[in-house]
Amino acid sequence: MDWKPDTGVQFDAVNLGSMAHTEGKTMVSRAISVDQDDIQTLKGIQDRGVKFDMRKALDDSPENLEHLLKKDNLI
């Protein structure tokens, strides 16, 4: 992810529905795979007060980013 925090765009929430698994990434849910760069970017966004609605489909239950990363000892 290439996220620049000071571009003037503001938002309260983001739907994170899928991040494909590739070599070197860890699956933290059935639809989300991250590496350390992803974690750093997502945490930076979250630290600015943005909430993540993490689910693959609207009828799935939303998942908590912090919980997913902690359960796999990524943070």
PDB file of N, CA and C in Angstrom:
ATOM      1  N   MET A   1       0.846  -1.175   0.000  1.00  0.00           N
ATOM      2  CA  MET A   1       0.000   0.000   0.000  1.00  0.00           C
ATOM      3  C   MET A   1       0.889   1.235   0.000  1.00  0.00           C
ATOM      4  N   ASP A   2       0.552   2.175  -0.802  1.00  0.00           N
ATOM      5  CA  ASP A   2       1.301   3.419  -0.829  1.00  0.00           C
ATOM      6  C   ASP A   2       0.355   4.516  -0.368  1.00  0.00           C
ATOM      7  N   TRP A   3       0.376   4.793   0.937  1.00  0.00           N
ATOM      8  CA  TRP A   3      -0.559   5.740   1.529  1.00  0.00           C
ATOM      9  C   TRP A   3       0.187   6.965   1.990  1.00  0.00           C
ATOM     10  N   LYS A   4      -0.281   8.130   1.585  1.00  0.00           N
ATOM     11  CA  LYS A   4       0.328   9.390   1.995  1.00  0.00           C
ATOM     12  C   LYS A   4      -0.642  10.091   2.930  1.00  0.00           C
ATOM     13  N   PRO A   5      -0.296  10.229   4.215  1.00  0.00           N
ATOM     14  CA  PRO A   5      -1.250  10.683   5.227  1.00  0.00           C
ATOM     15  C   PRO A   5      -1.673  12.135   5.128  1.00  0.00           C
ATOM     16  N   ASP A   6      -0.967  12.996   4.447  1.00  0.00           N
ATOM     17  CA  ASP A   6      -1.280  14.412   4.474  1.00  0.00           C
ATOM     18  C   ASP A   6      -1.686  14.958   3.109  1.00  0.00           C
ATOM     19  N   THR A   7      -2.562  14.247   2.414  1.00  0.00           N
ATOM     20  CA  THR A   7      -2.997  14.693   1.092  1.00  0.00           C
ATOM     21  C   THR A   7      -4.279  15.513   1.149  1.00  0.00           C
ATOM     22  N   GLY A   8      -4.833  15.703   2.355  1.00  0.00           N
ATOM     23  CA  GLY A   8      -6.029  16.520   2.511  1.00  0.00           C
ATOM     24  C   GLY A   8      -7.329  15.756   2.406  1.00  0.00           C
ATOM     25  N   VAL A   9      -7.302  14.491   2.057  1.00  0.00           N
ATOM     26  CA  VAL A   9      -8.514  13.684   1.984  1.00  0.00           C
ATOM     27  C   VAL A   9      -8.816  13.162   3.381  1.00  0.00           C
ATOM     28  N   GLN A  10     -10.063  13.348   3.827  1.00  0.00           N
ATOM     29  CA  GLN A  10     -10.447  12.875   5.156  1.00  0.00           C
ATOM     30  C   GLN A  10     -11.607  11.903   5.037  1.00  0.00           C
ATOM     31  N   PHE A  11     -11.576  10.850   5.842  1.00  0.00           N
ATOM     32  CA  PHE A  11     -12.662   9.885   5.871  1.00  0.00           C
ATOM     33  C   PHE A  11     -12.673   9.241   7.243  1.00  0.00           C
ATOM     34  N   ASP A  12     -13.852   8.774   7.658  1.00  0.00           N
ATOM     35  CA  ASP A  12     -14.021   8.186   8.988  1.00  0.00           C
ATOM     36  C   ASP A  12     -13.875   6.673   8.989  1.00  0.00           C
ATOM     37  N   ALA A  13     -14.231   6.034   7.881  1.00  0.00           N
ATOM     38  CA  ALA A  13     -14.210   4.573   7.824  1.00  0.00           C
ATOM     39  C   ALA A  13     -13.859   4.105   6.420  1.00  0.00           C
ATOM     40  N   VAL A  14     -13.264   2.911   6.375  1.00  0.00           N
ATOM     41  CA  VAL A  14     -12.863   2.294   5.116  1.00  0.00           C
ATOM     42  C   VAL A  14     -13.275   0.832   5.155  1.00  0.00           C
ATOM     43  N   ASN A  15     -13.858   0.341   4.070  1.00  0.00           N
ATOM     44  CA  ASN A  15     -14.138  -1.083   3.963  1.00  0.00           C
ATOM     45  C   ASN A  15     -12.901  -1.768   3.405  1.00  0.00           C
ATOM     46  N   LEU A  16     -12.385  -2.703   4.159  1.00  0.00           N
ATOM     47  CA  LEU A  16     -11.239  -3.493   3.723  1.00  0.00           C
ATOM     48  C   LEU A  16     -11.777  -4.889   3.458  1.00  0.00           C
ATOM     49  N   GLY A  17     -12.100  -5.163   2.199  1.00  0.00           N
ATOM     50  CA  GLY A  17     -12.800  -6.391   1.858  1.00  0.00           C
ATOM     51  C   GLY A  17     -11.918  -7.512   1.358  1.00  0.00           C
ATOM     52  N   SER A  18     -10.747  -7.176   0.823  1.00  0.00           N
ATOM     53  CA  SER A  18      -9.882  -8.229   0.319  1.00  0.00           C
ATOM     54  C   SER A  18      -8.475  -7.683   0.104  1.00  0.00           C
ATOM     55  N   MET A  19      -7.505  -8.439   0.568  1.00  0.00           N
ATOM     56  CA  MET A  19      -6.091  -8.177   0.286  1.00  0.00           C
ATOM     57  C   MET A  19      -5.493  -9.535  -0.032  1.00  0.00           C
ATOM     58  N   ALA A  20      -5.157  -9.743  -1.271  1.00  0.00           N
ATOM     59  CA  ALA A  20      -4.750 -11.062  -1.765  1.00  0.00           C
ATOM     60  C   ALA A  20      -3.493 -11.586  -1.087  1.00  0.00           C
ATOM     61  N   HIS A  21      -3.445 -12.900  -0.950  1.00  0.00           N
ATOM     62  CA  HIS A  21      -2.267 -13.554  -0.397  1.00  0.00           C
ATOM     63  C   HIS A  21      -1.210 -13.708  -1.480  1.00  0.00           C
ATOM     64  N   THR A  22      -0.007 -13.303  -1.144  1.00  0.00           N
ATOM     65  CA  THR A  22       1.144 -13.522  -2.005  1.00  0.00           C
ATOM     66  C   THR A  22       2.292 -13.978  -1.115  1.00  0.00           C
ATOM     67  N   GLU A  23       3.359 -14.421  -1.721  1.00  0.00           N
ATOM     68  CA  GLU A  23       4.514 -14.911  -0.962  1.00  0.00           C
ATOM     69  C   GLU A  23       4.998 -13.838   0.006  1.00  0.00           C
ATOM     70  N   GLY A  24       5.244 -14.248   1.258  1.00  0.00           N
ATOM     71  CA  GLY A  24       5.735 -13.335   2.279  1.00  0.00           C
ATOM     72  C   GLY A  24       4.647 -12.669   3.100  1.00  0.00           C
ATOM     73  N   LYS A  25       3.390 -12.922   2.741  1.00  0.00           N
ATOM     74  CA  LYS A  25       2.281 -12.339   3.492  1.00  0.00           C
ATOM     75  C   LYS A  25       1.638 -13.396   4.377  1.00  0.00           C
ATOM     76  N   THR A  26       0.987 -12.928   5.434  1.00  0.00           N
ATOM     77  CA  THR A  26       0.300 -13.805   6.382  1.00  0.00           C
ATOM     78  C   THR A  26      -1.201 -13.599   6.255  1.00  0.00           C
ATOM     79  N   MET A  27      -1.940 -14.696   6.121  1.00  0.00           N
ATOM     80  CA  MET A  27      -3.403 -14.625   6.095  1.00  0.00           C
ATOM     81  C   MET A  27      -3.888 -14.378   7.522  1.00  0.00           C
ATOM     82  N   VAL A  28      -4.598 -13.270   7.737  1.00  0.00           N
ATOM     83  CA  VAL A  28      -5.136 -12.972   9.067  1.00  0.00           C
ATOM     84  C   VAL A  28      -6.644 -13.198   9.127  1.00  0.00           C
ATOM     85  N   SER A  29      -7.267 -13.343   7.977  1.00  0.00           N
ATOM     86  CA  SER A  29      -8.670 -13.733   7.879  1.00  0.00           C
ATOM     87  C   SER A  29      -8.821 -14.441   6.538  1.00  0.00           C
ATOM     88  N   ARG A  30     -10.038 -14.859   6.221  1.00  0.00           N
ATOM     89  CA  ARG A  30     -10.205 -15.583   4.948  1.00  0.00           C
ATOM     90  C   ARG A  30     -10.055 -14.675   3.735  1.00  0.00           C
ATOM     91  N   ALA A  31     -10.018 -13.343   3.962  1.00  0.00           N
ATOM     92  CA  ALA A  31      -9.915 -12.423   2.830  1.00  0.00           C
ATOM     93  C   ALA A  31      -8.772 -11.418   2.945  1.00  0.00           C
ATOM     94  N   ILE A  32      -8.091 -11.393   4.089  1.00  0.00           N
ATOM     95  CA  ILE A  32      -7.068 -10.376   4.328  1.00  0.00           C
ATOM     96  C   ILE A  32      -5.713 -11.044   4.572  1.00  0.00           C
ATOM     97  N   SER A  33      -4.722 -10.628   3.790  1.00  0.00           N
ATOM     98  CA  SER A  33      -3.356 -11.106   3.914  1.00  0.00           C
ATOM     99  C   SER A  33      -2.450  -9.878   4.003  1.00  0.00           C
ATOM    100  N   VAL A  34      -1.517  -9.890   4.961  1.00  0.00           N
ATOM    101  CA  VAL A  34      -0.678  -8.708   5.184  1.00  0.00           C
ATOM    102  C   VAL A  34       0.793  -9.076   5.343  1.00  0.00           C
ATOM    103  N   ASP A  35       1.642  -8.082   5.053  1.00  0.00           N
ATOM    104  CA  ASP A  35       3.055  -8.160   5.404  1.00  0.00           C
ATOM    105  C   ASP A  35       3.348  -6.958   6.310  1.00  0.00           C
ATOM    106  N   GLN A  36       4.586  -6.777   6.705  1.00  0.00           N
ATOM    107  CA  GLN A  36       4.910  -5.700   7.647  1.00  0.00           C
ATOM    108  C   GLN A  36       4.638  -4.308   7.064  1.00  0.00           C
ATOM    109  N   ASP A  37       4.840  -4.122   5.769  1.00  0.00           N
ATOM    110  CA  ASP A  37       4.520  -2.834   5.146  1.00  0.00           C
ATOM    111  C   ASP A  37       3.022  -2.544   5.225  1.00  0.00           C
ATOM    112  N   ASP A  38       2.202  -3.563   4.961  1.00  0.00           N
ATOM    113  CA  ASP A  38       0.750  -3.402   5.056  1.00  0.00           C
ATOM    114  C   ASP A  38       0.352  -3.037   6.483  1.00  0.00           C
ATOM    115  N   ILE A  39       0.931  -3.754   7.453  1.00  0.00           N
ATOM    116  CA  ILE A  39       0.605  -3.515   8.857  1.00  0.00           C
ATOM    117  C   ILE A  39       0.950  -2.079   9.246  1.00  0.00           C
ATOM    118  N   GLN A  40       2.118  -1.634   8.867  1.00  0.00           N
ATOM    119  CA  GLN A  40       2.539  -0.271   9.185  1.00  0.00           C
ATOM    120  C   GLN A  40       1.584   0.751   8.563  1.00  0.00           C
ATOM    121  N   THR A  41       1.198   0.539   7.326  1.00  0.00           N
ATOM    122  CA  THR A  41       0.283   1.454   6.646  1.00  0.00           C
ATOM    123  C   THR A  41      -1.092   1.445   7.308  1.00  0.00           C
ATOM    124  N   LEU A  42      -1.632   0.254   7.563  1.00  0.00           N
ATOM    125  CA  LEU A  42      -2.950   0.150   8.183  1.00  0.00           C
ATOM    126  C   LEU A  42      -2.962   0.766   9.580  1.00  0.00           C
ATOM    127  N   LYS A  43      -1.914   0.511  10.361  1.00  0.00           N
ATOM    128  CA  LYS A  43      -1.828   1.101  11.704  1.00  0.00           C
ATOM    129  C   LYS A  43      -1.733   2.618  11.613  1.00  0.00           C
ATOM    130  N   GLY A  44      -1.005   3.150  10.645  1.00  0.00           N
ATOM    131  CA  GLY A  44      -0.904   4.591  10.467  1.00  0.00           C
ATOM    132  C   GLY A  44      -2.249   5.220  10.154  1.00  0.00           C
ATOM    133  N   ILE A  45      -3.033   4.540   9.326  1.00  0.00           N
ATOM    134  CA  ILE A  45      -4.381   5.019   9.006  1.00  0.00           C
ATOM    135  C   ILE A  45      -5.263   4.947  10.254  1.00  0.00           C
ATOM    136  N   GLN A  46      -5.201   3.823  10.940  1.00  0.00           N
ATOM    137  CA  GLN A  46      -6.007   3.629  12.141  1.00  0.00           C
ATOM    138  C   GLN A  46      -5.634   4.638  13.231  1.00  0.00           C
ATOM    139  N   ASP A  47      -4.358   4.943  13.375  1.00  0.00           N
ATOM    140  CA  ASP A  47      -3.903   5.895  14.386  1.00  0.00           C
ATOM    141  C   ASP A  47      -4.443   7.297  14.138  1.00  0.00           C
ATOM    142  N   ARG A  48      -4.897   7.564  12.937  1.00  0.00           N
ATOM    143  CA  ARG A  48      -5.509   8.862  12.608  1.00  0.00           C
ATOM    144  C   ARG A  48      -7.019   8.862  12.840  1.00  0.00           C
ATOM    145  N   GLY A  49      -7.514   7.789  13.457  1.00  0.00           N
ATOM    146  CA  GLY A  49      -8.931   7.743  13.815  1.00  0.00           C
ATOM    147  C   GLY A  49      -9.840   7.093  12.799  1.00  0.00           C
ATOM    148  N   VAL A  50      -9.271   6.549  11.728  1.00  0.00           N
ATOM    149  CA  VAL A  50     -10.083   5.889  10.704  1.00  0.00           C
ATOM    150  C   VAL A  50     -10.414   4.474  11.182  1.00  0.00           C
ATOM    151  N   LYS A  51     -11.670   4.101  11.065  1.00  0.00           N
ATOM    152  CA  LYS A  51     -12.114   2.765  11.450  1.00  0.00           C
ATOM    153  C   LYS A  51     -12.176   1.889  10.200  1.00  0.00           C
ATOM    154  N   PHE A  52     -11.842   0.615  10.377  1.00  0.00           N
ATOM    155  CA  PHE A  52     -11.895  -0.343   9.275  1.00  0.00           C
ATOM    156  C   PHE A  52     -13.109  -1.237   9.427  1.00  0.00           C
ATOM    157  N   ASP A  53     -13.891  -1.353   8.373  1.00  0.00           N
ATOM    158  CA  ASP A  53     -14.986  -2.300   8.282  1.00  0.00           C
ATOM    159  C   ASP A  53     -14.415  -3.451   7.475  1.00  0.00           C
ATOM    160  N   MET A  54     -13.961  -4.487   8.179  1.00  0.00           N
ATOM    161  CA  MET A  54     -13.228  -5.573   7.532  1.00  0.00           C
ATOM    162  C   MET A  54     -14.132  -6.786   7.347  1.00  0.00           C
ATOM    163  N   ARG A  55     -14.593  -6.965   6.111  1.00  0.00           N
ATOM    164  CA  ARG A  55     -15.392  -8.136   5.755  1.00  0.00           C
ATOM    165  C   ARG A  55     -15.413  -8.292   4.246  1.00  0.00           C
ATOM    166  N   LYS A  56     -15.487  -9.527   3.821  1.00  0.00           N
ATOM    167  CA  LYS A  56     -15.453  -9.827   2.389  1.00  0.00           C
ATOM    168  C   LYS A  56     -16.786  -9.490   1.716  1.00  0.00           C
ATOM    169  N   ALA A  57     -17.879  -9.809   2.374  1.00  0.00           N
ATOM    170  CA  ALA A  57     -19.210  -9.544   1.821  1.00  0.00           C
ATOM    171  C   ALA A  57     -20.056  -8.831   2.873  1.00  0.00           C
ATOM    172  N   LEU A  58     -21.039  -8.081   2.437  1.00  0.00           N
ATOM    173  CA  LEU A  58     -21.858  -7.310   3.367  1.00  0.00           C
ATOM    174  C   LEU A  58     -22.555  -8.153   4.422  1.00  0.00           C
ATOM    175  N   ASP A  59     -22.903  -9.396   4.101  1.00  0.00           N
ATOM    176  CA  ASP A  59     -23.582 -10.219   5.093  1.00  0.00           C
ATOM    177  C   ASP A  59     -22.617 -10.971   6.011  1.00  0.00           C
ATOM    178  N   ASP A  60     -21.295 -10.786   5.839  1.00  0.00           N
ATOM    179  CA  ASP A  60     -20.302 -11.319   6.777  1.00  0.00           C
ATOM    180  C   ASP A  60     -20.268 -10.422   8.012  1.00  0.00           C
ATOM    181  N   SER A  61     -19.865 -10.972   9.136  1.00  0.00           N
ATOM    182  CA  SER A  61     -19.673 -10.162  10.338  1.00  0.00           C
ATOM    183  C   SER A  61     -18.374  -9.379  10.193  1.00  0.00           C
ATOM    184  N   PRO A  62     -18.377  -8.087  10.584  1.00  0.00           N
ATOM    185  CA  PRO A  62     -17.133  -7.319  10.493  1.00  0.00           C
ATOM    186  C   PRO A  62     -16.094  -7.856  11.480  1.00  0.00           C
ATOM    187  N   GLU A  63     -14.819  -7.727  11.122  1.00  0.00           N
ATOM    188  CA  GLU A  63     -13.731  -8.189  11.978  1.00  0.00           C
ATOM    189  C   GLU A  63     -12.889  -6.998  12.419  1.00  0.00           C
ATOM    190  N   ASN A  64     -12.227  -7.140  13.560  1.00  0.00           N
ATOM    191  CA  ASN A  64     -11.426  -6.090  14.147  1.00  0.00           C
ATOM    192  C   ASN A  64      -9.963  -6.240  13.716  1.00  0.00           C
ATOM    193  N   LEU A  65      -9.400  -5.183  13.129  1.00  0.00           N
ATOM    194  CA  LEU A  65      -8.023  -5.209  12.636  1.00  0.00           C
ATOM    195  C   LEU A  65      -7.037  -5.564  13.748  1.00  0.00           C
ATOM    196  N   GLU A  66      -7.126  -4.875  14.858  1.00  0.00           N
ATOM    197  CA  GLU A  66      -6.191  -5.101  15.967  1.00  0.00           C
ATOM    198  C   GLU A  66      -6.238  -6.553  16.445  1.00  0.00           C
ATOM    199  N   HIS A  67      -7.461  -7.094  16.587  1.00  0.00           N
ATOM    200  CA  HIS A  67      -7.620  -8.475  17.024  1.00  0.00           C
ATOM    201  C   HIS A  67      -6.982  -9.456  16.042  1.00  0.00           C
ATOM    202  N   LEU A  68      -7.205  -9.245  14.742  1.00  0.00           N
ATOM    203  CA  LEU A  68      -6.631 -10.135  13.734  1.00  0.00           C
ATOM    204  C   LEU A  68      -5.112 -10.125  13.757  1.00  0.00           C
ATOM    205  N   LEU A  69      -4.525  -8.936  13.917  1.00  0.00           N
ATOM    206  CA  LEU A  69      -3.065  -8.842  13.932  1.00  0.00           C
ATOM    207  C   LEU A  69      -2.482  -9.431  15.204  1.00  0.00           C
ATOM    208  N   LYS A  70      -3.160  -9.249  16.331  1.00  0.00           N
ATOM    209  CA  LYS A  70      -2.653  -9.776  17.607  1.00  0.00           C
ATOM    210  C   LYS A  70      -2.767 -11.299  17.646  1.00  0.00           C
ATOM    211  N   LYS A  71      -3.843 -11.847  17.087  1.00  0.00           N
ATOM    212  CA  LYS A  71      -4.010 -13.311  17.168  1.00  0.00           C
ATOM    213  C   LYS A  71      -2.913 -14.056  16.412  1.00  0.00           C
ATOM    214  N   ASP A  72      -2.341 -13.419  15.410  1.00  0.00           N
ATOM    215  CA  ASP A  72      -1.245 -14.015  14.651  1.00  0.00           C
ATOM    216  C   ASP A  72       0.116 -13.471  15.080  1.00  0.00           C
ATOM    217  N   ASN A  73       0.145 -12.783  16.237  1.00  0.00           N
ATOM    218  CA  ASN A  73       1.387 -12.210  16.793  1.00  0.00           C
ATOM    219  C   ASN A  73       2.107 -11.314  15.805  1.00  0.00           C
ATOM    220  N   LEU A  74       1.334 -10.512  15.052  1.00  0.00           N
ATOM    221  CA  LEU A  74       1.933  -9.596  14.084  1.00  0.00           C
ATOM    222  C   LEU A  74       2.157  -8.205  14.684  1.00  0.00           C
ATOM    223  N   ILE A  75       1.501  -7.940  15.792  1.00  0.00           N
ATOM    224  CA  ILE A  75       1.760  -6.694  16.534  1.00  0.00           C
ATOM    225  C   ILE A  75       1.857  -7.009  18.010  1.00  0.00           C
TER     226      ILE A  75
END
